[in-house]
Amino acid sequence: MVFIATLNFYYISFAILLTVTTHMQTDKSPYQYRGMFHALGTVYREEGFRALYRGWLPSVIGVVGYLKLCYPLLFAFIAVYLPLYALSYS
């Protein structure tokens, strides 16, 4: 249960940060935002709370897809090469 709560908190905060950084990168004027917190406040004031979560689903799908690919490959690599590494130093 703690894992699910942590995962939900991670995705909620991650989605907001992705949206704000996307705004910072794609707006017309490079000097519209002074920093991350200024951009967060400006997006919240100008577009509302729901704008902070606009486009969160593709980013979550990307992160989940990355994790489903990365960790199994890492564990497979460890399972294959750890015995070989241990044999070469014994």
PDB file of N, CA and C in Angstrom:
ATOM      1  N   MET A   1       0.827  -1.195   0.000  1.00  0.00           N
ATOM      2  CA  MET A   1       0.000   0.000   0.000  1.00  0.00           C
ATOM      3  C   MET A   1       0.868   1.255   0.000  1.00  0.00           C
ATOM      4  N   VAL A   2       1.968   1.231   0.729  1.00  0.00           N
ATOM      5  CA  VAL A   2       2.861   2.376   0.765  1.00  0.00           C
ATOM      6  C   VAL A   2       3.470   2.606  -0.607  1.00  0.00           C
ATOM      7  N   PHE A   3       3.768   1.508  -1.306  1.00  0.00           N
ATOM      8  CA  PHE A   3       4.335   1.618  -2.649  1.00  0.00           C
ATOM      9  C   PHE A   3       3.378   2.344  -3.593  1.00  0.00           C
ATOM     10  N   ILE A   4       2.082   2.022  -3.515  1.00  0.00           N
ATOM     11  CA  ILE A   4       1.078   2.648  -4.389  1.00  0.00           C
ATOM     12  C   ILE A   4       0.965   4.129  -4.058  1.00  0.00           C
ATOM     13  N   ALA A   5       0.973   4.476  -2.777  1.00  0.00           N
ATOM     14  CA  ALA A   5       0.876   5.881  -2.392  1.00  0.00           C
ATOM     15  C   ALA A   5       2.109   6.654  -2.864  1.00  0.00           C
ATOM     16  N   THR A   6       3.279   6.049  -2.729  1.00  0.00           N
ATOM     17  CA  THR A   6       4.506   6.697  -3.186  1.00  0.00           C
ATOM     18  C   THR A   6       4.488   6.866  -4.692  1.00  0.00           C
ATOM     19  N   LEU A   7       4.041   5.864  -5.398  1.00  0.00           N
ATOM     20  CA  LEU A   7       3.979   5.924  -6.857  1.00  0.00           C
ATOM     21  C   LEU A   7       3.004   7.008  -7.307  1.00  0.00           C
ATOM     22  N   ASN A   8       1.861   7.113  -6.654  1.00  0.00           N
ATOM     23  CA  ASN A   8       0.889   8.157  -7.004  1.00  0.00           C
ATOM     24  C   ASN A   8       1.459   9.541  -6.752  1.00  0.00           C
ATOM     25  N   PHE A   9       2.135   9.731  -5.630  1.00  0.00           N
ATOM     26  CA  PHE A   9       2.748  11.033  -5.330  1.00  0.00           C
ATOM     27  C   PHE A   9       3.810  11.371  -6.366  1.00  0.00           C
ATOM     28  N   TYR A  10       4.580  10.377  -6.755  1.00  0.00           N
ATOM     29  CA  TYR A  10       5.628  10.585  -7.750  1.00  0.00           C
ATOM     30  C   TYR A  10       5.022  11.042  -9.070  1.00  0.00           C
ATOM     31  N   TYR A  11       3.994  10.372  -9.534  1.00  0.00           N
ATOM     32  CA  TYR A  11       3.398  10.739 -10.816  1.00  0.00           C
ATOM     33  C   TYR A  11       2.690  12.078 -10.758  1.00  0.00           C
ATOM     34  N   ILE A  12       2.073  12.402  -9.632  1.00  0.00           N
ATOM     35  CA  ILE A  12       1.409  13.698  -9.500  1.00  0.00           C
ATOM     36  C   ILE A  12       2.428  14.821  -9.581  1.00  0.00           C
ATOM     37  N   SER A  13       3.519  14.718  -8.826  1.00  0.00           N
ATOM     38  CA  SER A  13       4.534  15.770  -8.855  1.00  0.00           C
ATOM     39  C   SER A  13       5.301  15.760 -10.170  1.00  0.00           C
ATOM     40  N   PHE A  14       5.547  14.592 -10.730  1.00  0.00           N
ATOM     41  CA  PHE A  14       6.276  14.479 -11.986  1.00  0.00           C
ATOM     42  C   PHE A  14       5.490  15.106 -13.130  1.00  0.00           C
ATOM     43  N   ALA A  15       4.181  14.918 -13.141  1.00  0.00           N
ATOM     44  CA  ALA A  15       3.346  15.489 -14.196  1.00  0.00           C
ATOM     45  C   ALA A  15       3.370  17.008 -14.144  1.00  0.00           C
ATOM     46  N   ILE A  16       3.311  17.582 -12.962  1.00  0.00           N
ATOM     47  CA  ILE A  16       3.359  19.039 -12.829  1.00  0.00           C
ATOM     48  C   ILE A  16       4.703  19.561 -13.328  1.00  0.00           C
ATOM     49  N   LEU A  17       5.790  18.924 -12.929  1.00  0.00           N
ATOM     50  CA  LEU A  17       7.111  19.391 -13.357  1.00  0.00           C
ATOM     51  C   LEU A  17       7.292  19.274 -14.863  1.00  0.00           C
ATOM     52  N   LEU A  18       6.800  18.205 -15.465  1.00  0.00           N
ATOM     53  CA  LEU A  18       6.893  18.068 -16.912  1.00  0.00           C
ATOM     54  C   LEU A  18       6.096  19.151 -17.637  1.00  0.00           C
ATOM     55  N   THR A  19       4.924  19.452 -17.129  1.00  0.00           N
ATOM     56  CA  THR A  19       4.107  20.483 -17.760  1.00  0.00           C
ATOM     57  C   THR A  19       4.774  21.843 -17.659  1.00  0.00           C
ATOM     58  N   VAL A  20       5.303  22.167 -16.502  1.00  0.00           N
ATOM     59  CA  VAL A  20       5.942  23.475 -16.316  1.00  0.00           C
ATOM     60  C   VAL A  20       7.211  23.584 -17.154  1.00  0.00           C
ATOM     61  N   THR A  21       8.019  22.551 -17.197  1.00  0.00           N
ATOM     62  CA  THR A  21       9.236  22.628 -18.014  1.00  0.00           C
ATOM     63  C   THR A  21       8.897  22.703 -19.497  1.00  0.00           C
ATOM     64  N   THR A  22       7.820  22.051 -19.924  1.00  0.00           N
ATOM     65  CA  THR A  22       7.394  22.160 -21.310  1.00  0.00           C
ATOM     66  C   THR A  22       6.956  23.585 -21.629  1.00  0.00           C
ATOM     67  N   HIS A  23       6.246  24.213 -20.706  1.00  0.00           N
ATOM     68  CA  HIS A  23       5.871  25.614 -20.892  1.00  0.00           C
ATOM     69  C   HIS A  23       7.119  26.488 -20.986  1.00  0.00           C
ATOM     70  N   MET A  24       8.094  26.230 -20.147  1.00  0.00           N
ATOM     71  CA  MET A  24       9.306  27.046 -20.163  1.00  0.00           C
ATOM     72  C   MET A  24      10.070  26.883 -21.480  1.00  0.00           C
ATOM     73  N   GLN A  25      10.040  25.720 -22.060  1.00  0.00           N
ATOM     74  CA  GLN A  25      10.791  25.454 -23.282  1.00  0.00           C
ATOM     75  C   GLN A  25      10.074  25.922 -24.534  1.00  0.00           C
ATOM     76  N   THR A  26       8.757  25.943 -24.529  1.00  0.00           N
ATOM     77  CA  THR A  26       8.027  26.177 -25.773  1.00  0.00           C
ATOM     78  C   THR A  26       7.368  27.540 -25.881  1.00  0.00           C
ATOM     79  N   ASP A  27       7.395  28.364 -24.862  1.00  0.00           N
ATOM     80  CA  ASP A  27       6.750  29.668 -24.979  1.00  0.00           C
ATOM     81  C   ASP A  27       7.556  30.599 -25.868  1.00  0.00           C
ATOM     82  N   LYS A  28       6.856  31.598 -26.394  1.00  0.00           N
ATOM     83  CA  LYS A  28       7.456  32.476 -27.402  1.00  0.00           C
ATOM     84  C   LYS A  28       8.635  33.278 -26.864  1.00  0.00           C
ATOM     85  N   SER A  29       8.469  33.854 -25.713  1.00  0.00           N
ATOM     86  CA  SER A  29       9.529  34.679 -25.151  1.00  0.00           C
ATOM     87  C   SER A  29      10.377  33.856 -24.185  1.00  0.00           C
ATOM     88  N   PRO A  30      11.699  33.820 -24.378  1.00  0.00           N
ATOM     89  CA  PRO A  30      12.530  33.056 -23.437  1.00  0.00           C
ATOM     90  C   PRO A  30      12.624  33.711 -22.065  1.00  0.00           C
ATOM     91  N   TYR A  31      12.167  34.961 -21.957  1.00  0.00           N
ATOM     92  CA  TYR A  31      12.253  35.680 -20.684  1.00  0.00           C
ATOM     93  C   TYR A  31      10.905  35.797 -19.991  1.00  0.00           C
ATOM     94  N   GLN A  32       9.927  34.991 -20.416  1.00  0.00           N
ATOM     95  CA  GLN A  32       8.602  35.060 -19.810  1.00  0.00           C
ATOM     96  C   GLN A  32       8.628  34.515 -18.378  1.00  0.00           C
ATOM     97  N   TYR A  33       9.440  33.507 -18.128  1.00  0.00           N
ATOM     98  CA  TYR A  33       9.525  32.897 -16.803  1.00  0.00           C
ATOM     99  C   TYR A  33      10.927  33.110 -16.235  1.00  0.00           C
ATOM    100  N   ARG A  34      10.979  33.449 -14.946  1.00  0.00           N
ATOM    101  CA  ARG A  34      12.271  33.662 -14.298  1.00  0.00           C
ATOM    102  C   ARG A  34      12.853  32.381 -13.713  1.00  0.00           C
ATOM    103  N   GLY A  35      12.030  31.384 -13.537  1.00  0.00           N
ATOM    104  CA  GLY A  35      12.488  30.120 -12.959  1.00  0.00           C
ATOM    105  C   GLY A  35      11.332  29.152 -12.856  1.00  0.00           C
ATOM    106  N   MET A  36      11.609  28.011 -12.251  1.00  0.00           N
ATOM    107  CA  MET A  36      10.616  26.944 -12.168  1.00  0.00           C
ATOM    108  C   MET A  36       9.404  27.361 -11.326  1.00  0.00           C
ATOM    109  N   PHE A  37       9.635  27.958 -10.166  1.00  0.00           N
ATOM    110  CA  PHE A  37       8.507  28.333  -9.307  1.00  0.00           C
ATOM    111  C   PHE A  37       7.721  29.494  -9.903  1.00  0.00           C
ATOM    112  N   HIS A  38       8.405  30.422 -10.565  1.00  0.00           N
ATOM    113  CA  HIS A  38       7.710  31.512 -11.229  1.00  0.00           C
ATOM    114  C   HIS A  38       6.837  30.966 -12.361  1.00  0.00           C
ATOM    115  N   ALA A  39       7.354  30.012 -13.118  1.00  0.00           N
ATOM    116  CA  ALA A  39       6.578  29.396 -14.194  1.00  0.00           C
ATOM    117  C   ALA A  39       5.380  28.645 -13.636  1.00  0.00           C
ATOM    118  N   LEU A  40       5.569  27.935 -12.532  1.00  0.00           N
ATOM    119  CA  LEU A  40       4.469  27.205 -11.903  1.00  0.00           C
ATOM    120  C   LEU A  40       3.352  28.158 -11.489  1.00  0.00           C
ATOM    121  N   GLY A  41       3.719  29.252 -10.836  1.00  0.00           N
ATOM    122  CA  GLY A  41       2.723  30.237 -10.420  1.00  0.00           C
ATOM    123  C   GLY A  41       2.042  30.924 -11.590  1.00  0.00           C
ATOM    124  N   THR A  42       2.804  31.237 -12.628  1.00  0.00           N
ATOM    125  CA  THR A  42       2.237  31.914 -13.794  1.00  0.00           C
ATOM    126  C   THR A  42       1.253  31.003 -14.532  1.00  0.00           C
ATOM    127  N   VAL A  43       1.617  29.762 -14.728  1.00  0.00           N
ATOM    128  CA  VAL A  43       0.712  28.819 -15.403  1.00  0.00           C
ATOM    129  C   VAL A  43      -0.551  28.635 -14.562  1.00  0.00           C
ATOM    130  N   TYR A  44      -0.405  28.531 -13.262  1.00  0.00           N
ATOM    131  CA  TYR A  44      -1.565  28.367 -12.377  1.00  0.00           C
ATOM    132  C   TYR A  44      -2.481  29.589 -12.440  1.00  0.00           C
ATOM    133  N   ARG A  45      -1.912  30.792 -12.407  1.00  0.00           N
ATOM    134  CA  ARG A  45      -2.721  32.009 -12.439  1.00  0.00           C
ATOM    135  C   ARG A  45      -3.386  32.231 -13.802  1.00  0.00           C
ATOM    136  N   GLU A  46      -2.638  32.000 -14.880  1.00  0.00           N
ATOM    137  CA  GLU A  46      -3.162  32.324 -16.206  1.00  0.00           C
ATOM    138  C   GLU A  46      -4.078  31.246 -16.777  1.00  0.00           C
ATOM    139  N   GLU A  47      -3.786  29.980 -16.508  1.00  0.00           N
ATOM    140  CA  GLU A  47      -4.535  28.907 -17.154  1.00  0.00           C
ATOM    141  C   GLU A  47      -5.343  28.045 -16.194  1.00  0.00           C
ATOM    142  N   GLY A  48      -5.086  28.164 -14.908  1.00  0.00           N
ATOM    143  CA  GLY A  48      -5.855  27.410 -13.928  1.00  0.00           C
ATOM    144  C   GLY A  48      -5.155  26.118 -13.492  1.00  0.00           C
ATOM    145  N   PHE A  49      -5.758  25.470 -12.499  1.00  0.00           N
ATOM    146  CA  PHE A  49      -5.174  24.267 -11.899  1.00  0.00           C
ATOM    147  C   PHE A  49      -5.118  23.100 -12.881  1.00  0.00           C
ATOM    148  N   ARG A  50      -6.147  22.958 -13.694  1.00  0.00           N
ATOM    149  CA  ARG A  50      -6.206  21.816 -14.626  1.00  0.00           C
ATOM    150  C   ARG A  50      -5.112  21.883 -15.684  1.00  0.00           C
ATOM    151  N   ALA A  51      -4.609  23.082 -15.961  1.00  0.00           N
ATOM    152  CA  ALA A  51      -3.546  23.222 -16.961  1.00  0.00           C
ATOM    153  C   ALA A  51      -2.248  22.579 -16.486  1.00  0.00           C
ATOM    154  N   LEU A  52      -2.076  22.428 -15.184  1.00  0.00           N
ATOM    155  CA  LEU A  52      -0.850  21.807 -14.661  1.00  0.00           C
ATOM    156  C   LEU A  52      -0.795  20.317 -14.982  1.00  0.00           C
ATOM    157  N   TYR A  53      -1.937  19.717 -15.246  1.00  0.00           N
ATOM    158  CA  TYR A  53      -1.974  18.286 -15.546  1.00  0.00           C
ATOM    159  C   TYR A  53      -2.303  17.993 -17.006  1.00  0.00           C
ATOM    160  N   ARG A  54      -2.308  19.019 -17.832  1.00  0.00           N
ATOM    161  CA  ARG A  54      -2.591  18.805 -19.255  1.00  0.00           C
ATOM    162  C   ARG A  54      -1.447  18.021 -19.878  1.00  0.00           C
ATOM    163  N   GLY A  55      -1.768  16.911 -20.510  1.00  0.00           N
ATOM    164  CA  GLY A  55      -0.758  16.106 -21.175  1.00  0.00           C
ATOM    165  C   GLY A  55       0.005  15.165 -20.257  1.00  0.00           C
ATOM    166  N   TRP A  56      -0.529  14.840 -19.106  1.00  0.00           N
ATOM    167  CA  TRP A  56       0.217  13.981 -18.170  1.00  0.00           C
ATOM    168  C   TRP A  56       0.183  12.512 -18.581  1.00  0.00           C
ATOM    169  N   LEU A  57      -0.859  12.092 -19.265  1.00  0.00           N
ATOM    170  CA  LEU A  57      -0.985  10.680 -19.605  1.00  0.00           C
ATOM    171  C   LEU A  57       0.137  10.178 -20.527  1.00  0.00           C
ATOM    172  N   PRO A  58       0.508  10.890 -21.587  1.00  0.00           N
ATOM    173  CA  PRO A  58       1.620  10.396 -22.406  1.00  0.00           C
ATOM    174  C   PRO A  58       2.936  10.296 -21.637  1.00  0.00           C
ATOM    175  N   SER A  59       3.175  11.226 -20.725  1.00  0.00           N
ATOM    176  CA  SER A  59       4.419  11.152 -19.952  1.00  0.00           C
ATOM    177  C   SER A  59       4.415   9.971 -18.992  1.00  0.00           C
ATOM    178  N   VAL A  60       3.273   9.689 -18.387  1.00  0.00           N
ATOM    179  CA  VAL A  60       3.175   8.543 -17.486  1.00  0.00           C
ATOM    180  C   VAL A  60       3.340   7.244 -18.272  1.00  0.00           C
ATOM    181  N   ILE A  61       2.729   7.170 -19.442  1.00  0.00           N
ATOM    182  CA  ILE A  61       2.891   5.975 -20.277  1.00  0.00           C
ATOM    183  C   ILE A  61       4.352   5.788 -20.658  1.00  0.00           C
ATOM    184  N   GLY A  62       5.035   6.886 -20.967  1.00  0.00           N
ATOM    185  CA  GLY A  62       6.454   6.798 -21.310  1.00  0.00           C
ATOM    186  C   GLY A  62       7.306   6.319 -20.152  1.00  0.00           C
ATOM    187  N   VAL A  63       7.032   6.820 -18.955  1.00  0.00           N
ATOM    188  CA  VAL A  63       7.807   6.414 -17.781  1.00  0.00           C
ATOM    189  C   VAL A  63       7.544   4.950 -17.453  1.00  0.00           C
ATOM    190  N   VAL A  64       6.291   4.535 -17.500  1.00  0.00           N
ATOM    191  CA  VAL A  64       5.962   3.141 -17.199  1.00  0.00           C
ATOM    192  C   VAL A  64       6.597   2.219 -18.233  1.00  0.00           C
ATOM    193  N   GLY A  65       6.539   2.600 -19.502  1.00  0.00           N
ATOM    194  CA  GLY A  65       7.174   1.794 -20.545  1.00  0.00           C
ATOM    195  C   GLY A  65       8.671   1.693 -20.356  1.00  0.00           C
ATOM    196  N   TYR A  66       9.285   2.791 -19.973  1.00  0.00           N
ATOM    197  CA  TYR A  66      10.728   2.789 -19.709  1.00  0.00           C
ATOM    198  C   TYR A  66      11.067   1.864 -18.547  1.00  0.00           C
ATOM    199  N   LEU A  67      10.294   1.947 -17.480  1.00  0.00           N
ATOM    200  CA  LEU A  67      10.570   1.112 -16.315  1.00  0.00           C
ATOM    201  C   LEU A  67      10.329  -0.362 -16.610  1.00  0.00           C
ATOM    202  N   LYS A  68       9.330  -0.659 -17.422  1.00  0.00           N
ATOM    203  CA  LYS A  68       9.062  -2.059 -17.770  1.00  0.00           C
ATOM    204  C   LYS A  68      10.163  -2.630 -18.647  1.00  0.00           C
ATOM    205  N   LEU A  69      10.883  -1.798 -19.357  1.00  0.00           N
ATOM    206  CA  LEU A  69      11.974  -2.255 -20.200  1.00  0.00           C
ATOM    207  C   LEU A  69      13.314  -2.230 -19.460  1.00  0.00           C
ATOM    208  N   CYS A  70      13.550  -1.197 -18.699  1.00  0.00           N
ATOM    209  CA  CYS A  70      14.857  -0.980 -18.075  1.00  0.00           C
ATOM    210  C   CYS A  70      15.173  -2.017 -16.995  1.00  0.00           C
ATOM    211  N   TYR A  71      14.289  -2.191 -16.040  1.00  0.00           N
ATOM    212  CA  TYR A  71      14.604  -3.055 -14.913  1.00  0.00           C
ATOM    213  C   TYR A  71      14.713  -4.537 -15.267  1.00  0.00           C
ATOM    214  N   PRO A  72      13.850  -5.091 -16.098  1.00  0.00           N
ATOM    215  CA  PRO A  72      14.077  -6.489 -16.480  1.00  0.00           C
ATOM    216  C   PRO A  72      15.400  -6.696 -17.214  1.00  0.00           C
ATOM    217  N   LEU A  73      15.771  -5.750 -18.060  1.00  0.00           N
ATOM    218  CA  LEU A  73      17.068  -5.869 -18.737  1.00  0.00           C
ATOM    219  C   LEU A  73      18.225  -5.771 -17.755  1.00  0.00           C
ATOM    220  N   LEU A  74      18.101  -4.892 -16.783  1.00  0.00           N
ATOM    221  CA  LEU A  74      19.145  -4.764 -15.773  1.00  0.00           C
ATOM    222  C   LEU A  74      19.299  -6.060 -14.973  1.00  0.00           C
ATOM    223  N   PHE A  75      18.196  -6.634 -14.547  1.00  0.00           N
ATOM    224  CA  PHE A  75      18.261  -7.859 -13.755  1.00  0.00           C
ATOM    225  C   PHE A  75      18.754  -9.037 -14.586  1.00  0.00           C
ATOM    226  N   ALA A  76      18.398  -9.073 -15.854  1.00  0.00           N
ATOM    227  CA  ALA A  76      18.915 -10.130 -16.731  1.00  0.00           C
ATOM    228  C   ALA A  76      20.425  -9.977 -16.912  1.00  0.00           C
ATOM    229  N   PHE A  77      20.878  -8.768 -17.081  1.00  0.00           N
ATOM    230  CA  PHE A  77      22.309  -8.502 -17.212  1.00  0.00           C
ATOM    231  C   PHE A  77      23.066  -8.931 -15.951  1.00  0.00           C
ATOM    232  N   ILE A  78      22.522  -8.603 -14.801  1.00  0.00           N
ATOM    233  CA  ILE A  78      23.155  -8.986 -13.533  1.00  0.00           C
ATOM    234  C   ILE A  78      23.176 -10.498 -13.389  1.00  0.00           C
ATOM    235  N   ALA A  79      22.073 -11.157 -13.734  1.00  0.00           N
ATOM    236  CA  ALA A  79      22.015 -12.613 -13.593  1.00  0.00           C
ATOM    237  C   ALA A  79      23.014 -13.315 -14.500  1.00  0.00           C
ATOM    238  N   VAL A  80      23.296 -12.755 -15.663  1.00  0.00           N
ATOM    239  CA  VAL A  80      24.233 -13.385 -16.596  1.00  0.00           C
ATOM    240  C   VAL A  80      25.678 -13.064 -16.246  1.00  0.00           C
ATOM    241  N   TYR A  81      25.978 -11.819 -15.980  1.00  0.00           N
ATOM    242  CA  TYR A  81      27.364 -11.399 -15.850  1.00  0.00           C
ATOM    243  C   TYR A  81      27.919 -11.431 -14.432  1.00  0.00           C
ATOM    244  N   LEU A  82      27.089 -11.447 -13.423  1.00  0.00           N
ATOM    245  CA  LEU A  82      27.609 -11.521 -12.054  1.00  0.00           C
ATOM    246  C   LEU A  82      28.329 -12.834 -11.786  1.00  0.00           C
ATOM    247  N   PRO A  83      27.795 -13.976 -12.191  1.00  0.00           N
ATOM    248  CA  PRO A  83      28.560 -15.228 -11.999  1.00  0.00           C
ATOM    249  C   PRO A  83      29.882 -15.223 -12.777  1.00  0.00           C
ATOM    250  N   LEU A  84      29.882 -14.667 -13.956  1.00  0.00           N
ATOM    251  CA  LEU A  84      31.129 -14.599 -14.746  1.00  0.00           C
ATOM    252  C   LEU A  84      32.162 -13.704 -14.074  1.00  0.00           C
ATOM    253  N   TYR A  85      31.698 -12.585 -13.525  1.00  0.00           N
ATOM    254  CA  TYR A  85      32.581 -11.662 -12.829  1.00  0.00           C
ATOM    255  C   TYR A  85      33.133 -12.293 -11.563  1.00  0.00           C
ATOM    256  N   ALA A  86      32.284 -13.023 -10.837  1.00  0.00           N
ATOM    257  CA  ALA A  86      32.712 -13.666  -9.596  1.00  0.00           C
ATOM    258  C   ALA A  86      33.723 -14.771  -9.883  1.00  0.00           C
ATOM    259  N   LEU A  87      33.573 -15.517 -10.985  1.00  0.00           N
ATOM    260  CA  LEU A  87      34.502 -16.572 -11.333  1.00  0.00           C
ATOM    261  C   LEU A  87      35.869 -16.032 -11.747  1.00  0.00           C
ATOM    262  N   SER A  88      35.886 -14.869 -12.378  1.00  0.00           N
ATOM    263  CA  SER A  88      37.169 -14.328 -12.844  1.00  0.00           C
ATOM    264  C   SER A  88      37.999 -13.781 -11.681  1.00  0.00           C
ATOM    265  N   TYR A  89      37.402 -13.462 -10.559  1.00  0.00           N
ATOM    266  CA  TYR A  89      38.157 -12.935  -9.415  1.00  0.00           C
ATOM    267  C   TYR A  89      38.277 -13.931  -8.269  1.00  0.00           C
ATOM    268  N   SER A  90      37.934 -15.167  -8.467  1.00  0.00           N
ATOM    269  CA  SER A  90      38.046 -16.148  -7.374  1.00  0.00           C
ATOM    270  C   SER A  90      39.328 -16.921  -7.465  1.00  0.00           C
TER     271      SER A  90
END
